[in-house]
Amino acid sequence: MDSLETSILDFVADTSGVRRNKLSLATRLSQDLGIEGLDAEKLFKTYGEKFGVDLTSLWDYWDFHFAPEGGPSWPFLVPCSTCFLIGAAIHQAVGGPPFWV
């Protein structure tokens, strides 16, 4: 591993509080480490300043990479809402247990 890769991994460990031995070049910040919302935003702003990287394209597509902080994202809400509505329809049609079951 070259010095730039080591510097970046060290930076991510220091900035995020994640232990360095949990990081590799294949580690995904959102999925593997749970870095989302304001934490991810702060990490990348600091990263851009420290390493002199233009992150304009990342900011343009931010929502494709990171979920908002403090709540579930669309991939969670859509299936839950769909199941809730199907349960309500079944309850309306046949009765039985409460629709939320």
PDB file of N, CA and C in Angstrom:
ATOM      1  N   MET A   1       0.852  -1.170   0.000  1.00  0.00           N
ATOM      2  CA  MET A   1       0.000   0.000   0.000  1.00  0.00           C
ATOM      3  C   MET A   1       0.897   1.231   0.000  1.00  0.00           C
ATOM      4  N   ASP A   2       0.591   2.175  -0.871  1.00  0.00           N
ATOM      5  CA  ASP A   2       1.446   3.360  -0.945  1.00  0.00           C
ATOM      6  C   ASP A   2       1.073   4.380   0.143  1.00  0.00           C
ATOM      7  N   SER A   3       1.854   5.415   0.234  1.00  0.00           N
ATOM      8  CA  SER A   3       1.686   6.369   1.332  1.00  0.00           C
ATOM      9  C   SER A   3       0.383   7.167   1.236  1.00  0.00           C
ATOM     10  N   LEU A   4      -0.108   7.451   0.015  1.00  0.00           N
ATOM     11  CA  LEU A   4      -1.370   8.168  -0.124  1.00  0.00           C
ATOM     12  C   LEU A   4      -2.522   7.320   0.413  1.00  0.00           C
ATOM     13  N   GLU A   5      -2.540   6.041   0.045  1.00  0.00           N
ATOM     14  CA  GLU A   5      -3.593   5.151   0.539  1.00  0.00           C
ATOM     15  C   GLU A   5      -3.550   5.058   2.060  1.00  0.00           C
ATOM     16  N   THR A   6      -2.372   4.932   2.606  1.00  0.00           N
ATOM     17  CA  THR A   6      -2.210   4.874   4.063  1.00  0.00           C
ATOM     18  C   THR A   6      -2.675   6.172   4.703  1.00  0.00           C
ATOM     19  N   SER A   7      -2.336   7.308   4.094  1.00  0.00           N
ATOM     20  CA  SER A   7      -2.748   8.611   4.631  1.00  0.00           C
ATOM     21  C   SER A   7      -4.262   8.746   4.642  1.00  0.00           C
ATOM     22  N   ILE A   8      -4.908   8.290   3.585  1.00  0.00           N
ATOM     23  CA  ILE A   8      -6.363   8.393   3.502  1.00  0.00           C
ATOM     24  C   ILE A   8      -7.027   7.491   4.536  1.00  0.00           C
ATOM     25  N   LEU A   9      -6.553   6.262   4.669  1.00  0.00           N
ATOM     26  CA  LEU A   9      -7.131   5.355   5.664  1.00  0.00           C
ATOM     27  C   LEU A   9      -6.907   5.878   7.083  1.00  0.00           C
ATOM     28  N   ASP A  10      -5.735   6.429   7.334  1.00  0.00           N
ATOM     29  CA  ASP A  10      -5.464   7.029   8.644  1.00  0.00           C
ATOM     30  C   ASP A  10      -6.389   8.223   8.896  1.00  0.00           C
ATOM     31  N   PHE A  11      -6.589   9.030   7.865  1.00  0.00           N
ATOM     32  CA  PHE A  11      -7.485  10.183   7.980  1.00  0.00           C
ATOM     33  C   PHE A  11      -8.906   9.743   8.321  1.00  0.00           C
ATOM     34  N   VAL A  12      -9.422   8.733   7.611  1.00  0.00           N
ATOM     35  CA  VAL A  12     -10.782   8.252   7.868  1.00  0.00           C
ATOM     36  C   VAL A  12     -10.889   7.712   9.290  1.00  0.00           C
ATOM     37  N   ALA A  13      -9.888   6.979   9.724  1.00  0.00           N
ATOM     38  CA  ALA A  13      -9.903   6.445  11.098  1.00  0.00           C
ATOM     39  C   ALA A  13      -9.902   7.578  12.119  1.00  0.00           C
ATOM     40  N   ASP A  14      -9.060   8.564  11.936  1.00  0.00           N
ATOM     41  CA  ASP A  14      -8.974   9.682  12.880  1.00  0.00           C
ATOM     42  C   ASP A  14     -10.245  10.524  12.884  1.00  0.00           C
ATOM     43  N   THR A  15     -10.798  10.786  11.717  1.00  0.00           N
ATOM     44  CA  THR A  15     -11.959  11.660  11.593  1.00  0.00           C
ATOM     45  C   THR A  15     -13.248  10.982  12.064  1.00  0.00           C
ATOM     46  N   SER A  16     -13.381   9.694  11.776  1.00  0.00           N
ATOM     47  CA  SER A  16     -14.632   9.003  12.080  1.00  0.00           C
ATOM     48  C   SER A  16     -14.641   8.298  13.428  1.00  0.00           C
ATOM     49  N   GLY A  17     -13.460   8.085  13.998  1.00  0.00           N
ATOM     50  CA  GLY A  17     -13.386   7.361  15.260  1.00  0.00           C
ATOM     51  C   GLY A  17     -13.397   5.857  15.090  1.00  0.00           C
ATOM     52  N   VAL A  18     -13.336   5.389  13.858  1.00  0.00           N
ATOM     53  CA  VAL A  18     -13.294   3.954  13.577  1.00  0.00           C
ATOM     54  C   VAL A  18     -11.859   3.460  13.754  1.00  0.00           C
ATOM     55  N   ARG A  19     -11.716   2.293  14.335  1.00  0.00           N
ATOM     56  CA  ARG A  19     -10.370   1.735  14.501  1.00  0.00           C
ATOM     57  C   ARG A  19      -9.732   1.484  13.143  1.00  0.00           C
ATOM     58  N   ARG A  20      -8.468   1.794  13.043  1.00  0.00           N
ATOM     59  CA  ARG A  20      -7.740   1.691  11.773  1.00  0.00           C
ATOM     60  C   ARG A  20      -7.747   0.266  11.228  1.00  0.00           C
ATOM     61  N   ASN A  21      -7.717  -0.744  12.111  1.00  0.00           N
ATOM     62  CA  ASN A  21      -7.669  -2.127  11.622  1.00  0.00           C
ATOM     63  C   ASN A  21      -9.001  -2.586  11.019  1.00  0.00           C
ATOM     64  N   LYS A  22     -10.081  -1.799  11.178  1.00  0.00           N
ATOM     65  CA  LYS A  22     -11.361  -2.121  10.546  1.00  0.00           C
ATOM     66  C   LYS A  22     -11.454  -1.576   9.126  1.00  0.00           C
ATOM     67  N   LEU A  23     -10.487  -0.771   8.727  1.00  0.00           N
ATOM     68  CA  LEU A  23     -10.543  -0.105   7.427  1.00  0.00           C
ATOM     69  C   LEU A  23      -9.652  -0.783   6.401  1.00  0.00           C
ATOM     70  N   SER A  24     -10.147  -0.827   5.185  1.00  0.00           N
ATOM     71  CA  SER A  24      -9.350  -1.260   4.035  1.00  0.00           C
ATOM     72  C   SER A  24      -9.803  -0.422   2.851  1.00  0.00           C
ATOM     73  N   LEU A  25      -9.185  -0.604   1.721  1.00  0.00           N
ATOM     74  CA  LEU A  25      -9.589   0.156   0.539  1.00  0.00           C
ATOM     75  C   LEU A  25     -10.964  -0.285   0.030  1.00  0.00           C
ATOM     76  N   ALA A  26     -11.431  -1.447   0.471  1.00  0.00           N
ATOM     77  CA  ALA A  26     -12.742  -1.945   0.059  1.00  0.00           C
ATOM     78  C   ALA A  26     -13.856  -1.575   1.036  1.00  0.00           C
ATOM     79  N   THR A  27     -13.529  -0.947   2.157  1.00  0.00           N
ATOM     80  CA  THR A  27     -14.528  -0.590   3.160  1.00  0.00           C
ATOM     81  C   THR A  27     -15.461   0.490   2.617  1.00  0.00           C
ATOM     82  N   ARG A  28     -16.751   0.254   2.785  1.00  0.00           N
ATOM     83  CA  ARG A  28     -17.761   1.233   2.365  1.00  0.00           C
ATOM     84  C   ARG A  28     -18.184   2.021   3.593  1.00  0.00           C
ATOM     85  N   LEU A  29     -18.109   3.334   3.506  1.00  0.00           N
ATOM     86  CA  LEU A  29     -18.385   4.180   4.664  1.00  0.00           C
ATOM     87  C   LEU A  29     -19.822   4.027   5.152  1.00  0.00           C
ATOM     88  N   SER A  30     -20.764   4.079   4.249  1.00  0.00           N
ATOM     89  CA  SER A  30     -22.173   4.021   4.635  1.00  0.00           C
ATOM     90  C   SER A  30     -22.578   2.613   5.049  1.00  0.00           C
ATOM     91  N   GLN A  31     -22.379   1.640   4.175  1.00  0.00           N
ATOM     92  CA  GLN A  31     -22.868   0.298   4.413  1.00  0.00           C
ATOM     93  C   GLN A  31     -22.078  -0.454   5.482  1.00  0.00           C
ATOM     94  N   ASP A  32     -20.764  -0.339   5.479  1.00  0.00           N
ATOM     95  CA  ASP A  32     -19.943  -1.117   6.404  1.00  0.00           C
ATOM     96  C   ASP A  32     -19.727  -0.427   7.746  1.00  0.00           C
ATOM     97  N   LEU A  33     -19.620   0.897   7.733  1.00  0.00           N
ATOM     98  CA  LEU A  33     -19.295   1.624   8.959  1.00  0.00           C
ATOM     99  C   LEU A  33     -20.466   2.413   9.535  1.00  0.00           C
ATOM    100  N   GLY A  34     -21.526   2.565   8.755  1.00  0.00           N
ATOM    101  CA  GLY A  34     -22.690   3.303   9.237  1.00  0.00           C
ATOM    102  C   GLY A  34     -22.484   4.809   9.315  1.00  0.00           C
ATOM    103  N   ILE A  35     -21.542   5.332   8.537  1.00  0.00           N
ATOM    104  CA  ILE A  35     -21.306   6.775   8.529  1.00  0.00           C
ATOM    105  C   ILE A  35     -22.312   7.406   7.575  1.00  0.00           C
ATOM    106  N   GLU A  36     -23.227   8.203   8.122  1.00  0.00           N
ATOM    107  CA  GLU A  36     -24.315   8.804   7.356  1.00  0.00           C
ATOM    108  C   GLU A  36     -24.477  10.269   7.725  1.00  0.00           C
ATOM    109  N   GLY A  37     -25.347  10.946   7.006  1.00  0.00           N
ATOM    110  CA  GLY A  37     -25.786  12.294   7.337  1.00  0.00           C
ATOM    111  C   GLY A  37     -24.672  13.290   7.592  1.00  0.00           C
ATOM    112  N   LEU A  38     -24.792  13.999   8.710  1.00  0.00           N
ATOM    113  CA  LEU A  38     -23.842  15.061   9.037  1.00  0.00           C
ATOM    114  C   LEU A  38     -22.435  14.526   9.292  1.00  0.00           C
ATOM    115  N   ASP A  39     -22.330  13.304   9.822  1.00  0.00           N
ATOM    116  CA  ASP A  39     -21.007  12.717  10.045  1.00  0.00           C
ATOM    117  C   ASP A  39     -20.271  12.516   8.715  1.00  0.00           C
ATOM    118  N   ALA A  40     -20.986  11.986   7.725  1.00  0.00           N
ATOM    119  CA  ALA A  40     -20.378  11.785   6.406  1.00  0.00           C
ATOM    120  C   ALA A  40     -20.057  13.125   5.749  1.00  0.00           C
ATOM    121  N   GLU A  41     -20.953  14.077   5.903  1.00  0.00           N
ATOM    122  CA  GLU A  41     -20.728  15.406   5.318  1.00  0.00           C
ATOM    123  C   GLU A  41     -19.476  16.055   5.908  1.00  0.00           C
ATOM    124  N   LYS A  42     -19.343  15.993   7.209  1.00  0.00           N
ATOM    125  CA  LYS A  42     -18.163  16.559   7.874  1.00  0.00           C
ATOM    126  C   LYS A  42     -16.883  15.847   7.419  1.00  0.00           C
ATOM    127  N   LEU A  43     -16.951  14.519   7.336  1.00  0.00           N
ATOM    128  CA  LEU A  43     -15.780  13.751   6.901  1.00  0.00           C
ATOM    129  C   LEU A  43     -15.328  14.192   5.515  1.00  0.00           C
ATOM    130  N   PHE A  44     -16.263  14.319   4.574  1.00  0.00           N
ATOM    131  CA  PHE A  44     -15.881  14.666   3.209  1.00  0.00           C
ATOM    132  C   PHE A  44     -15.467  16.120   3.060  1.00  0.00           C
ATOM    133  N   LYS A  45     -16.071  17.013   3.809  1.00  0.00           N
ATOM    134  CA  LYS A  45     -15.616  18.411   3.754  1.00  0.00           C
ATOM    135  C   LYS A  45     -14.172  18.510   4.230  1.00  0.00           C
ATOM    136  N   THR A  46     -13.879  17.843   5.338  1.00  0.00           N
ATOM    137  CA  THR A  46     -12.520  17.850   5.869  1.00  0.00           C
ATOM    138  C   THR A  46     -11.562  17.157   4.908  1.00  0.00           C
ATOM    139  N   TYR A  47     -12.008  16.053   4.307  1.00  0.00           N
ATOM    140  CA  TYR A  47     -11.200  15.313   3.337  1.00  0.00           C
ATOM    141  C   TYR A  47     -10.839  16.202   2.146  1.00  0.00           C
ATOM    142  N   GLY A  48     -11.844  16.899   1.603  1.00  0.00           N
ATOM    143  CA  GLY A  48     -11.608  17.777   0.455  1.00  0.00           C
ATOM    144  C   GLY A  48     -10.607  18.862   0.762  1.00  0.00           C
ATOM    145  N   GLU A  49     -10.704  19.431   1.968  1.00  0.00           N
ATOM    146  CA  GLU A  49      -9.761  20.482   2.368  1.00  0.00           C
ATOM    147  C   GLU A  49      -8.356  19.933   2.577  1.00  0.00           C
ATOM    148  N   LYS A  50      -8.263  18.804   3.263  1.00  0.00           N
ATOM    149  CA  LYS A  50      -6.950  18.245   3.600  1.00  0.00           C
ATOM    150  C   LYS A  50      -6.196  17.752   2.366  1.00  0.00           C
ATOM    151  N   PHE A  51      -6.894  17.076   1.459  1.00  0.00           N
ATOM    152  CA  PHE A  51      -6.225  16.475   0.312  1.00  0.00           C
ATOM    153  C   PHE A  51      -6.376  17.280  -0.975  1.00  0.00           C
ATOM    154  N   GLY A  52      -7.044  18.446  -0.906  1.00  0.00           N
ATOM    155  CA  GLY A  52      -7.188  19.315  -2.072  1.00  0.00           C
ATOM    156  C   GLY A  52      -7.992  18.686  -3.194  1.00  0.00           C
ATOM    157  N   VAL A  53      -9.121  18.063  -2.827  1.00  0.00           N
ATOM    158  CA  VAL A  53      -9.946  17.356  -3.800  1.00  0.00           C
ATOM    159  C   VAL A  53     -11.232  18.141  -4.046  1.00  0.00           C
ATOM    160  N   ASP A  54     -11.604  18.297  -5.319  1.00  0.00           N
ATOM    161  CA  ASP A  54     -12.867  18.927  -5.680  1.00  0.00           C
ATOM    162  C   ASP A  54     -13.962  17.864  -5.603  1.00  0.00           C
ATOM    163  N   LEU A  55     -14.896  18.018  -4.683  1.00  0.00           N
ATOM    164  CA  LEU A  55     -15.939  17.024  -4.465  1.00  0.00           C
ATOM    165  C   LEU A  55     -17.294  17.444  -5.026  1.00  0.00           C
ATOM    166  N   THR A  56     -17.294  18.324  -6.008  1.00  0.00           N
ATOM    167  CA  THR A  56     -18.537  18.828  -6.580  1.00  0.00           C
ATOM    168  C   THR A  56     -19.427  17.704  -7.073  1.00  0.00           C
ATOM    169  N   SER A  57     -18.877  16.733  -7.785  1.00  0.00           N
ATOM    170  CA  SER A  57     -19.711  15.650  -8.311  1.00  0.00           C
ATOM    171  C   SER A  57     -20.261  14.771  -7.187  1.00  0.00           C
ATOM    172  N   LEU A  58     -19.535  14.636  -6.085  1.00  0.00           N
ATOM    173  CA  LEU A  58     -20.056  13.897  -4.935  1.00  0.00           C
ATOM    174  C   LEU A  58     -21.250  14.623  -4.341  1.00  0.00           C
ATOM    175  N   TRP A  59     -21.141  15.929  -4.157  1.00  0.00           N
ATOM    176  CA  TRP A  59     -22.254  16.703  -3.585  1.00  0.00           C
ATOM    177  C   TRP A  59     -23.476  16.641  -4.502  1.00  0.00           C
ATOM    178  N   ASP A  60     -23.254  16.622  -5.828  1.00  0.00           N
ATOM    179  CA  ASP A  60     -24.368  16.566  -6.775  1.00  0.00           C
ATOM    180  C   ASP A  60     -25.164  15.268  -6.649  1.00  0.00           C
ATOM    181  N   TYR A  61     -24.488  14.171  -6.309  1.00  0.00           N
ATOM    182  CA  TYR A  61     -25.136  12.859  -6.217  1.00  0.00           C
ATOM    183  C   TYR A  61     -25.100  12.302  -4.793  1.00  0.00           C
ATOM    184  N   TRP A  62     -25.066  13.177  -3.809  1.00  0.00           N
ATOM    185  CA  TRP A  62     -24.931  12.786  -2.406  1.00  0.00           C
ATOM    186  C   TRP A  62     -25.984  11.775  -1.979  1.00  0.00           C
ATOM    187  N   ASP A  63     -27.249  12.003  -2.357  1.00  0.00           N
ATOM    188  CA  ASP A  63     -28.347  11.148  -1.915  1.00  0.00           C
ATOM    189  C   ASP A  63     -28.277   9.736  -2.482  1.00  0.00           C
ATOM    190  N   PHE A  64     -27.492   9.524  -3.529  1.00  0.00           N
ATOM    191  CA  PHE A  64     -27.313   8.179  -4.057  1.00  0.00           C
ATOM    192  C   PHE A  64     -26.344   7.373  -3.204  1.00  0.00           C
ATOM    193  N   HIS A  65     -25.530   8.047  -2.410  1.00  0.00           N
ATOM    194  CA  HIS A  65     -24.488   7.374  -1.641  1.00  0.00           C
ATOM    195  C   HIS A  65     -24.769   7.318  -0.143  1.00  0.00           C
ATOM    196  N   PHE A  66     -25.477   8.316   0.382  1.00  0.00           N
ATOM    197  CA  PHE A  66     -25.683   8.407   1.823  1.00  0.00           C
ATOM    198  C   PHE A  66     -27.137   8.711   2.145  1.00  0.00           C
ATOM    199  N   ALA A  67     -27.633   8.061   3.199  1.00  0.00           N
ATOM    200  CA  ALA A  67     -28.989   8.319   3.678  1.00  0.00           C
ATOM    201  C   ALA A  67     -28.963   9.541   4.583  1.00  0.00           C
ATOM    202  N   PRO A  68     -30.107  10.192   4.739  1.00  0.00           N
ATOM    203  CA  PRO A  68     -30.141  11.330   5.651  1.00  0.00           C
ATOM    204  C   PRO A  68     -29.961  10.869   7.098  1.00  0.00           C
ATOM    205  N   GLU A  69     -29.490  11.755   7.913  1.00  0.00           N
ATOM    206  CA  GLU A  69     -29.267  11.417   9.315  1.00  0.00           C
ATOM    207  C   GLU A  69     -30.566  11.508  10.097  1.00  0.00           C
ATOM    208  N   GLY A  70     -30.722  10.616  11.050  1.00  0.00           N
ATOM    209  CA  GLY A  70     -31.839  10.703  11.970  1.00  0.00           C
ATOM    210  C   GLY A  70     -33.094   9.978  11.547  1.00  0.00           C
ATOM    211  N   GLY A  71     -33.073   9.228  10.491  1.00  0.00           N
ATOM    212  CA  GLY A  71     -34.280   8.514  10.113  1.00  0.00           C
ATOM    213  C   GLY A  71     -34.009   7.519   9.009  1.00  0.00           C
ATOM    214  N   PRO A  72     -34.975   6.645   8.782  1.00  0.00           N
ATOM    215  CA  PRO A  72     -34.798   5.648   7.732  1.00  0.00           C
ATOM    216  C   PRO A  72     -34.852   6.289   6.347  1.00  0.00           C
ATOM    217  N   SER A  73     -34.264   5.614   5.409  1.00  0.00           N
ATOM    218  CA  SER A  73     -34.229   6.129   4.043  1.00  0.00           C
ATOM    219  C   SER A  73     -35.372   5.529   3.225  1.00  0.00           C
ATOM    220  N   TRP A  74     -35.521   5.990   1.992  1.00  0.00           N
ATOM    221  CA  TRP A  74     -36.586   5.522   1.109  1.00  0.00           C
ATOM    222  C   TRP A  74     -36.592   4.012   0.917  1.00  0.00           C
ATOM    223  N   PRO A  75     -35.441   3.356   0.752  1.00  0.00           N
ATOM    224  CA  PRO A  75     -35.490   1.896   0.576  1.00  0.00           C
ATOM    225  C   PRO A  75     -36.122   1.161   1.762  1.00  0.00           C
ATOM    226  N   PHE A  76     -36.199   1.790   2.906  1.00  0.00           N
ATOM    227  CA  PHE A  76     -36.871   1.193   4.053  1.00  0.00           C
ATOM    228  C   PHE A  76     -38.343   1.608   4.113  1.00  0.00           C
ATOM    229  N   LEU A  77     -38.616   2.880   3.873  1.00  0.00           N
ATOM    230  CA  LEU A  77     -39.971   3.399   4.033  1.00  0.00           C
ATOM    231  C   LEU A  77     -40.950   2.884   2.984  1.00  0.00           C
ATOM    232  N   VAL A  78     -40.509   2.729   1.742  1.00  0.00           N
ATOM    233  CA  VAL A  78     -41.420   2.307   0.674  1.00  0.00           C
ATOM    234  C   VAL A  78     -41.963   0.897   0.921  1.00  0.00           C
ATOM    235  N   PRO A  79     -41.126  -0.114   1.194  1.00  0.00           N
ATOM    236  CA  PRO A  79     -41.687  -1.450   1.461  1.00  0.00           C
ATOM    237  C   PRO A  79     -42.572  -1.485   2.711  1.00  0.00           C
ATOM    238  N   CYS A  80     -42.187  -0.766   3.755  1.00  0.00           N
ATOM    239  CA  CYS A  80     -43.005  -0.746   4.975  1.00  0.00           C
ATOM    240  C   CYS A  80     -44.367  -0.124   4.708  1.00  0.00           C
ATOM    241  N   SER A  81     -44.394   0.976   3.988  1.00  0.00           N
ATOM    242  CA  SER A  81     -45.663   1.631   3.657  1.00  0.00           C
ATOM    243  C   SER A  81     -46.521   0.728   2.781  1.00  0.00           C
ATOM    244  N   THR A  82     -45.904   0.047   1.833  1.00  0.00           N
ATOM    245  CA  THR A  82     -46.631  -0.865   0.948  1.00  0.00           C
ATOM    246  C   THR A  82     -47.266  -1.989   1.748  1.00  0.00           C
ATOM    247  N   CYS A  83     -46.499  -2.601   2.647  1.00  0.00           N
ATOM    248  CA  CYS A  83     -47.036  -3.684   3.482  1.00  0.00           C
ATOM    249  C   CYS A  83     -48.175  -3.179   4.366  1.00  0.00           C
ATOM    250  N   PHE A  84     -48.031  -2.002   4.892  1.00  0.00           N
ATOM    251  CA  PHE A  84     -49.068  -1.401   5.727  1.00  0.00           C
ATOM    252  C   PHE A  84     -50.361  -1.229   4.932  1.00  0.00           C
ATOM    253  N   LEU A  85     -50.260  -0.720   3.711  1.00  0.00           N
ATOM    254  CA  LEU A  85     -51.442  -0.508   2.876  1.00  0.00           C
ATOM    255  C   LEU A  85     -52.079  -1.822   2.446  1.00  0.00           C
ATOM    256  N   ILE A  86     -51.265  -2.822   2.134  1.00  0.00           N
ATOM    257  CA  ILE A  86     -51.802  -4.140   1.766  1.00  0.00           C
ATOM    258  C   ILE A  86     -52.536  -4.746   2.961  1.00  0.00           C
ATOM    259  N   GLY A  87     -51.953  -4.620   4.149  1.00  0.00           N
ATOM    260  CA  GLY A  87     -52.617  -5.129   5.352  1.00  0.00           C
ATOM    261  C   GLY A  87     -53.950  -4.453   5.591  1.00  0.00           C
ATOM    262  N   ALA A  88     -54.006  -3.147   5.383  1.00  0.00           N
ATOM    263  CA  ALA A  88     -55.260  -2.405   5.552  1.00  0.00           C
ATOM    264  C   ALA A  88     -56.307  -2.875   4.541  1.00  0.00           C
ATOM    265  N   ALA A  89     -55.898  -3.132   3.301  1.00  0.00           N
ATOM    266  CA  ALA A  89     -56.828  -3.590   2.268  1.00  0.00           C
ATOM    267  C   ALA A  89     -57.359  -4.979   2.588  1.00  0.00           C
ATOM    268  N   ILE A  90     -56.483  -5.873   3.040  1.00  0.00           N
ATOM    269  CA  ILE A  90     -56.917  -7.229   3.401  1.00  0.00           C
ATOM    270  C   ILE A  90     -57.884  -7.175   4.583  1.00  0.00           C
ATOM    271  N   HIS A  91     -57.580  -6.368   5.566  1.00  0.00           N
ATOM    272  CA  HIS A  91     -58.461  -6.234   6.725  1.00  0.00           C
ATOM    273  C   HIS A  91     -59.820  -5.691   6.306  1.00  0.00           C
ATOM    274  N   GLN A  92     -59.822  -4.747   5.420  1.00  0.00           N
ATOM    275  CA  GLN A  92     -61.080  -4.160   4.929  1.00  0.00           C
ATOM    276  C   GLN A  92     -61.897  -5.205   4.180  1.00  0.00           C
ATOM    277  N   ALA A  93     -61.221  -6.088   3.433  1.00  0.00           N
ATOM    278  CA  ALA A  93     -61.921  -7.064   2.606  1.00  0.00           C
ATOM    279  C   ALA A  93     -62.437  -8.257   3.413  1.00  0.00           C
ATOM    280  N   VAL A  94     -61.624  -8.788   4.321  1.00  0.00           N
ATOM    281  CA  VAL A  94     -62.005 -10.028   5.003  1.00  0.00           C
ATOM    282  C   VAL A  94     -62.123  -9.898   6.510  1.00  0.00           C
ATOM    283  N   GLY A  95     -61.763  -8.795   7.070  1.00  0.00           N
ATOM    284  CA  GLY A  95     -61.820  -8.639   8.522  1.00  0.00           C
ATOM    285  C   GLY A  95     -60.663  -9.401   9.170  1.00  0.00           C
ATOM    286  N   GLY A  96     -60.913  -9.966  10.310  1.00  0.00           N
ATOM    287  CA  GLY A  96     -59.873 -10.750  10.981  1.00  0.00           C
ATOM    288  C   GLY A  96     -59.011  -9.899  11.868  1.00  0.00           C
ATOM    289  N   PRO A  97     -57.754 -10.239  11.938  1.00  0.00           N
ATOM    290  CA  PRO A  97     -56.861  -9.506  12.851  1.00  0.00           C
ATOM    291  C   PRO A  97     -56.721  -8.043  12.406  1.00  0.00           C
ATOM    292  N   PRO A  98     -56.274  -7.202  13.307  1.00  0.00           N
ATOM    293  CA  PRO A  98     -56.083  -5.800  12.939  1.00  0.00           C
ATOM    294  C   PRO A  98     -55.188  -5.664  11.704  1.00  0.00           C
ATOM    295  N   PHE A  99     -55.438  -4.661  10.894  1.00  0.00           N
ATOM    296  CA  PHE A  99     -54.727  -4.512   9.623  1.00  0.00           C
ATOM    297  C   PHE A  99     -53.228  -4.345   9.784  1.00  0.00           C
ATOM    298  N   TRP A 100     -52.764  -3.841  10.936  1.00  0.00           N
ATOM    299  CA  TRP A 100     -51.343  -3.628  11.113  1.00  0.00           C
ATOM    300  C   TRP A 100     -50.585  -4.924  11.350  1.00  0.00           C
ATOM    301  N   VAL A 101     -51.308  -6.036  11.621  1.00  0.00           N
ATOM    302  CA  VAL A 101     -50.660  -7.340  11.813  1.00  0.00           C
ATOM    303  C   VAL A 101     -50.263  -7.847  10.465  1.00  0.00           C
TER     304      VAL A 101
END
